[in-house]
C-alpha cells in the first residue's frame, strides 16, 4: 500500500519503534507542509492511505475530491473536526482514529504554569546574555516570580487532562476551582475540589486559569474579552487546548490592557506560527510550538495505533 505520513516537522516518525509495523508497505514521510489546495492535491494524489499527525492538515471536501486513489485516512489520536467525514464517506474513504493519553498535555500545562510563575524562560535567556538574576531589562517586567502554594488555580474543563492538572495543583498546595458543565462541577466536588458559582467568579478570583476543553460549536470562542478583563492584573492565563476557544484578538487586547498580567500558550489558530504573530516577543507571554502531545511515549502510542489500523485495514481488504 502507498502510504503518506504528513507534517512530521521534526523528522522523528521514522525513528519510532512502531515504524517497523509498516515495513511491508511503501511509505513516504513529509517533513514540510504543502500550502493550498493545489499543492496538497498534487502531493497526495498517488497515495492510498494517509497518516495524519493530529490536526496539522485539514482534509476538506475540495481536497478529498481530488484524491482518487485514497482509500484510508488513519488519524493519530481522535478525529477532531479536521476531516470532512461526510465527504470521506461519499468518496468511499474509510476514516479510522486511534487513542491517546492525557499525561503529556497535562504535564505540559503544569510545566507552563511553573515556568511562567517563576519567570524561568526570562531568567534563563538573560543569563545566556550575561545578565545575572534579571527577568527583564525593563522595570515593568523585572518583577519577582512567585510560588504556587496557597494560590488559586482555575480549571475550565474537568475531563481527563483537567483532572490530572487539578491533582498536580493539589500536590503543590494550591486551591483548585473548577468551571464547566454541571456534570463536571459535580464530579469535581465529589473529588474534593471547589466548583465555581459562576463564570464571573471563576475569572475574577483565580490567580491562574488553565483551559482544558474540547473544541466544538458550543465551545468555539467560549472565552470572551470580558472574561479576560475580569482577571487579576497579576493573573496568568494558560491555553494548551485549542486557540479557537478564545475569541479572536481577545487575549491580545486583554494583555494590552493589563488583565491578565501574563499568558502561556501552546496552541494557535495558524500553525506553524507566522512570524508576524502579534504575541511574539512579548515579555509577559510564554509560547511553545504545540508540544502537548509531542513527546516520545505519546508518539509511540499515537503512531503505533495509527499504523496498526492500517495493517488491520489491509488484512480485511
Protein backbone atom coordinates (compact mmCIF):
# COMPACT_ATOMS: atom_id res chain seq x y z
CA UNK A 1 0.00 0.00 0.00
CA UNK A 2 1.25 3.52 -0.77
CA UNK A 3 1.18 5.45 2.49
CA UNK A 4 1.94 9.10 3.21
CA UNK A 5 2.72 10.37 6.71
CA UNK A 6 2.09 14.10 6.79
CA UNK A 7 3.65 17.02 8.64
CA UNK A 8 6.43 15.26 10.56
CA UNK A 9 8.13 18.59 11.26
CA UNK A 10 10.97 17.08 13.30
CA UNK A 11 11.54 14.01 11.06
CA UNK A 12 11.20 11.68 14.04
CA UNK A 13 8.49 9.22 12.94
CA UNK A 14 10.95 7.02 11.04
CA UNK A 15 12.92 6.62 14.27
CA UNK A 16 9.98 5.32 16.31
CA UNK A 17 9.95 1.66 17.30
CA UNK A 18 6.44 1.30 15.89
CA UNK A 19 7.53 2.45 12.41
CA UNK A 20 8.66 -1.11 11.73
CA UNK A 21 4.96 -2.09 11.58
CA UNK A 22 4.87 -0.60 8.07
CA UNK A 23 7.92 -2.46 6.73
CA UNK A 24 5.87 -4.25 4.05
CA UNK A 25 4.42 -1.01 2.67
CA UNK A 26 5.69 1.86 0.53
CA UNK A 27 5.89 4.80 2.91
CA UNK A 28 6.68 8.46 2.25
CA UNK A 29 7.18 10.81 5.18
CA UNK A 30 6.68 14.53 4.54
CA UNK A 31 8.59 16.88 6.82
CA UNK A 32 7.34 20.16 5.37
CA UNK A 33 3.85 21.44 4.78
CA UNK A 34 2.20 21.90 1.43
CA UNK A 35 0.20 25.12 1.33
CA UNK A 36 -3.05 25.40 -0.57
CA UNK A 37 -5.43 23.00 -2.21
CA UNK A 38 -3.45 22.66 -5.43
CA UNK A 39 -0.15 21.82 -3.78
CA UNK A 40 -1.76 19.33 -1.41
CA UNK A 41 -3.70 17.62 -4.18
CA UNK A 42 -0.57 17.19 -6.30
CA UNK A 43 1.42 15.91 -3.33
CA UNK A 44 -1.16 13.39 -2.15
CA UNK A 45 -2.91 12.16 -5.29
CA UNK A 46 -0.82 8.99 -5.64
CA UNK A 47 -1.35 7.69 -2.10
CA UNK A 48 -3.84 5.07 -0.94
CA UNK A 49 -3.53 5.84 2.77
CA UNK A 50 -2.73 8.96 4.76
CA UNK A 51 -1.49 9.11 8.34
CA UNK A 52 -2.31 12.43 9.97
CA UNK A 53 -0.48 13.92 12.90
CA UNK A 54 -3.47 15.25 14.82
CA UNK A 55 -4.98 18.29 13.02
CA UNK A 56 -1.89 19.59 11.26
CA UNK A 57 -3.52 19.07 7.83
CA UNK A 58 -7.19 19.74 7.09
CA UNK A 59 -8.82 17.25 4.73
CA UNK A 60 -11.91 19.04 3.43
CA UNK A 61 -14.29 18.12 0.62
CA UNK A 62 -12.46 20.01 -2.17
CA UNK A 63 -9.20 18.25 -1.32
CA UNK A 64 -10.70 14.79 -0.86
CA UNK A 65 -12.45 15.10 -4.21
CA UNK A 66 -9.03 15.38 -5.88
CA UNK A 67 -7.58 12.22 -4.31
CA UNK A 68 -8.99 9.36 -6.43
CA UNK A 69 -6.58 6.73 -5.07
CA UNK A 70 -7.24 7.42 -1.42
CA UNK A 71 -8.85 4.54 0.46
CA UNK A 72 -7.93 5.16 4.09
CA UNK A 73 -7.23 8.03 6.48
CA UNK A 74 -5.58 6.91 9.72
CA UNK A 75 -5.76 9.63 12.35
CA UNK A 76 -3.31 9.75 15.22
CA UNK A 77 -5.49 10.27 18.27
CA UNK A 78 -9.13 11.18 17.92
CA UNK A 79 -10.72 12.83 14.89
CA UNK A 80 -11.45 16.42 15.87
CA UNK A 81 -13.03 18.35 13.02
CA UNK A 82 -10.01 18.27 10.70
CA UNK A 83 -11.60 15.72 8.34
CA UNK A 84 -14.83 16.17 6.41
CA UNK A 85 -16.33 12.83 7.41
CA UNK A 86 -19.40 13.19 5.18
CA UNK A 87 -17.23 13.82 2.12
CA UNK A 88 -14.93 10.94 3.02
CA UNK A 89 -17.89 8.57 3.24
CA UNK A 90 -19.27 9.85 -0.06
CA UNK A 91 -15.95 9.21 -1.81
CA UNK A 92 -15.56 5.75 -0.26
CA UNK A 93 -12.68 6.72 2.01
CA UNK A 94 -12.58 4.97 5.36
CA UNK A 95 -11.53 7.05 8.35
CA UNK A 96 -10.10 5.37 11.43
CA UNK A 97 -9.00 7.04 14.62
CA UNK A 98 -6.67 5.98 17.37
CA UNK A 99 -6.20 6.51 21.06
CA UNK A 100 -4.43 8.96 23.28
CA UNK A 101 -3.21 9.58 26.80
CA UNK A 102 -3.74 12.73 28.88
CA UNK A 103 -0.37 12.60 30.62
CA UNK A 104 1.78 14.56 28.17
CA UNK A 105 -0.59 17.55 27.71
CA UNK A 106 -1.32 17.68 31.43
CA UNK A 107 2.39 17.72 32.23
CA UNK A 108 2.98 20.43 29.63
CA UNK A 109 0.23 22.58 31.15
CA UNK A 110 1.88 22.20 34.52
CA UNK A 111 5.32 22.96 33.10
CA UNK A 112 3.99 26.18 31.55
CA UNK A 113 2.33 27.15 34.82
CA UNK A 114 5.54 26.62 36.77
CA UNK A 115 7.82 28.21 34.18
CA UNK A 116 5.60 31.29 33.83
CA UNK A 117 5.04 31.69 37.57
CA UNK A 118 8.77 31.65 38.33
CA UNK A 119 9.71 33.51 35.11
CA UNK A 120 12.17 30.74 34.26
CA UNK A 121 12.42 31.38 30.48
CA UNK A 122 13.11 35.09 31.06
CA UNK A 123 15.76 34.50 33.71
CA UNK A 124 17.39 31.77 31.62
CA UNK A 125 17.52 33.92 28.48
CA UNK A 126 19.07 36.87 30.27
CA UNK A 127 21.60 34.60 31.94
CA UNK A 128 22.71 33.40 28.48
CA UNK A 129 23.12 37.05 27.52
CA UNK A 130 25.34 37.74 30.52
CA UNK A 131 22.75 39.44 32.73
CA UNK A 132 22.55 37.98 36.24
CA UNK A 133 19.23 37.44 38.01
CA UNK A 134 17.08 39.64 35.82
CA UNK A 135 13.66 38.71 34.49
CA UNK A 136 13.71 41.72 32.18
CA UNK A 137 15.75 44.76 31.26
CA UNK A 138 12.59 46.83 31.65
CA UNK A 139 11.38 47.73 35.12
CA UNK A 140 7.77 46.90 34.30
CA UNK A 141 8.58 43.22 33.73
CA UNK A 142 11.62 42.83 36.00
CA UNK A 143 9.49 41.54 38.83
CA UNK A 144 9.89 38.56 41.14
CA UNK A 145 8.36 35.23 40.29
CA UNK A 146 6.13 33.56 42.82
CA UNK A 147 5.37 30.13 44.23
CA UNK A 148 2.17 28.25 43.57
CA UNK A 149 1.41 27.16 47.12
CA UNK A 150 -1.62 28.95 48.55
CA UNK A 151 -2.76 30.38 45.24
CA UNK A 152 -5.90 29.52 43.30
CA UNK A 153 -5.83 27.60 40.04
CA UNK A 154 -8.98 27.84 37.96
CA UNK A 155 -9.53 24.91 35.61
CA UNK A 156 -12.18 25.20 32.91
CA UNK A 157 -12.94 21.65 31.81
CA UNK A 158 -12.73 18.74 34.23
CA UNK A 159 -12.02 15.91 31.79
CA UNK A 160 -9.06 13.55 31.71
CA UNK A 161 -6.47 16.31 31.35
CA UNK A 162 -8.19 18.73 33.71
CA UNK A 163 -8.35 16.06 36.42
CA UNK A 164 -4.62 15.41 36.21
CA UNK A 165 -3.81 19.11 36.38
CA UNK A 166 -6.14 19.53 39.36
CA UNK A 167 -4.28 16.82 41.23
CA UNK A 168 -0.90 18.34 40.38
CA UNK A 169 -2.16 21.59 41.85
CA UNK A 170 -3.39 19.82 44.97
CA UNK A 171 0.05 18.27 45.45
CA UNK A 172 1.57 21.77 45.26
CA UNK A 173 -0.75 23.14 47.94
CA UNK A 174 -2.97 25.18 45.63
CA UNK A 175 -6.67 25.78 45.93
CA UNK A 176 -8.42 24.40 42.85
CA UNK A 177 -11.58 25.99 41.41
CA UNK A 178 -13.45 24.15 38.64
CA UNK A 179 -15.73 25.63 35.99
CA UNK A 180 -17.50 23.77 33.22
CA UNK A 181 -20.65 21.74 32.74
CA UNK A 182 -22.87 20.85 35.66
CA UNK A 183 -21.65 17.27 35.43
CA UNK A 184 -18.00 18.39 35.56
CA UNK A 185 -18.60 20.60 38.58
CA UNK A 186 -20.43 17.85 40.43
CA UNK A 187 -17.63 15.39 39.72
CA UNK A 188 -15.04 17.92 40.87
CA UNK A 189 -16.86 18.40 44.15
CA UNK A 190 -17.02 14.65 44.67
CA UNK A 191 -13.25 14.60 44.16
CA UNK A 192 -12.76 17.22 46.85
CA UNK A 193 -12.35 20.33 44.70
CA UNK A 194 -14.38 23.54 44.67
CA UNK A 195 -16.86 24.32 41.92
CA UNK A 196 -17.17 27.95 40.87
CA UNK A 197 -20.57 29.53 41.50
CA UNK A 198 -20.42 31.47 38.23
CA UNK A 199 -18.20 32.14 35.25
CA UNK A 200 -17.66 35.67 36.54
CA UNK A 201 -16.45 34.42 39.92
CA UNK A 202 -14.20 31.89 38.20
CA UNK A 203 -12.34 34.58 36.23
CA UNK A 204 -12.30 37.20 38.97
CA UNK A 205 -10.95 35.04 41.79
CA UNK A 206 -8.37 32.81 40.08
CA UNK A 207 -4.64 33.56 40.17
CA UNK A 208 -4.10 31.19 37.24
CA UNK A 209 -6.64 29.91 34.72
CA UNK A 210 -5.99 26.86 32.53
CA UNK A 211 -8.32 25.77 29.72
CA UNK A 212 -8.99 22.07 29.18
CA UNK A 213 -11.96 21.96 26.81
CA UNK A 214 -12.70 20.21 23.54
CA UNK A 215 -13.31 22.46 20.57
CA UNK A 216 -16.80 22.20 19.08
CA UNK A 217 -19.59 24.53 18.06
CA UNK A 218 -20.58 25.09 21.68
CA UNK A 219 -17.06 25.93 22.92
CA UNK A 220 -15.72 27.95 19.98
CA UNK A 221 -14.94 31.47 21.28
CA UNK A 222 -16.36 30.49 24.65
CA UNK A 223 -13.81 32.78 26.34
CA UNK A 224 -14.66 36.37 25.52
CA UNK A 225 -12.77 39.62 26.07
CA UNK A 226 -14.98 40.46 29.04
CA UNK A 227 -13.97 37.25 30.78
CA UNK A 228 -10.27 38.00 30.41
CA UNK A 229 -10.74 41.60 31.55
CA UNK A 230 -12.13 40.28 34.84
CA UNK A 231 -8.86 38.53 35.67
CA UNK A 232 -6.42 39.96 38.19
CA UNK A 233 -3.63 42.20 36.87
CA UNK A 234 -1.06 39.65 38.10
CA UNK A 235 -3.01 36.57 36.92
CA UNK A 236 -1.77 34.02 34.37
CA UNK A 237 -3.87 32.63 31.50
CA UNK A 238 -2.84 29.23 30.12
CA UNK A 239 -4.17 27.54 26.98
CA UNK A 240 -2.85 24.20 25.73
CA UNK A 241 -6.22 23.03 24.36
CA UNK A 242 -7.32 24.97 21.27
CA UNK A 243 -6.71 28.57 20.26
CA UNK A 244 -10.25 28.87 18.92
CA UNK A 245 -11.67 28.53 22.43
CA UNK A 246 -10.79 32.21 22.86
CA UNK A 247 -12.46 34.94 20.82
CA UNK A 248 -10.21 36.30 18.11
CA UNK A 249 -7.86 39.05 19.35
CA UNK A 250 -9.44 38.93 22.82
CA UNK A 251 -6.25 37.83 24.57
CA UNK A 252 -4.12 40.36 22.69
CA UNK A 253 -6.49 43.16 23.74
CA UNK A 254 -6.76 41.96 27.34
CA UNK A 255 -2.99 41.64 27.78
CA UNK A 256 -2.50 45.11 26.30
CA UNK A 257 -4.95 46.45 28.87
CA UNK A 258 -3.14 44.69 31.73
CA UNK A 259 -5.65 41.98 32.65
CA UNK A 260 -4.49 39.25 32.84
CA UNK A 261 -0.87 40.09 33.52
CA UNK A 262 0.62 37.21 31.56
CA UNK A 263 -0.19 34.22 29.36
CA UNK A 264 1.27 30.88 28.32
CA UNK A 265 0.11 29.36 25.04
CA UNK A 266 0.81 26.11 23.21
CA UNK A 267 -1.90 26.37 20.53
CA UNK A 268 -2.56 28.86 17.75
CA UNK A 269 -5.16 29.38 15.04
CA UNK A 270 -2.47 29.23 12.33
CA UNK A 271 0.27 26.65 12.72
CA UNK A 272 3.22 26.67 12.27
CA UNK A 273 3.13 30.08 13.91
CA UNK A 274 3.56 33.02 11.48
CA UNK A 275 6.49 35.31 12.11
CA UNK A 276 4.15 38.30 12.44
CA UNK A 277 2.05 36.72 15.22
CA UNK A 278 1.28 39.71 17.49
CA UNK A 279 2.14 38.00 20.78
CA UNK A 280 5.66 37.05 19.72
CA UNK A 281 8.46 38.82 21.61
CA UNK A 282 6.17 39.89 24.44
CA UNK A 283 7.97 39.53 27.74
CA UNK A 284 4.81 38.54 29.59
CA UNK A 285 3.86 35.77 27.14
CA UNK A 286 5.39 32.28 27.01
CA UNK A 287 4.86 30.50 23.68
CA UNK A 288 5.58 26.86 22.87
CA UNK A 289 5.11 25.22 19.42
CA UNK A 290 2.12 22.92 20.12
CA UNK A 291 4.04 20.42 22.23
CA UNK A 292 1.10 18.99 24.18
CA UNK A 293 1.36 15.53 22.64
CA UNK A 294 4.81 15.92 21.09
CA UNK A 295 6.99 13.60 23.16
CA UNK A 296 8.39 10.09 22.85
CA UNK A 297 5.83 7.98 24.69
CA UNK A 298 2.86 9.76 23.15
CA UNK A 299 4.25 9.39 19.64
CA UNK A 300 4.82 5.67 20.12
CA UNK A 301 1.25 5.32 21.38
CA UNK A 302 -0.39 7.51 18.72
CA UNK A 303 1.53 6.21 15.73
CA UNK A 304 1.56 2.62 16.93
CA UNK A 305 -2.24 2.61 16.91
CA UNK A 306 -2.44 4.50 13.61
CA UNK A 307 -0.10 2.03 11.91
CA UNK A 308 -1.93 -0.94 13.40
CA UNK A 309 -5.17 0.43 11.99
CA UNK A 310 -3.59 0.38 8.53
CA UNK A 311 -2.46 -3.21 8.95
CA UNK A 312 -5.96 -4.26 10.04
CA UNK A 313 -7.49 -2.41 7.09
CA UNK A 314 -5.20 -4.23 4.66
CA UNK A 315 -5.99 -7.58 6.26
CA UNK A 316 -9.71 -7.04 5.61
CA UNK A 317 -9.25 -5.78 2.06
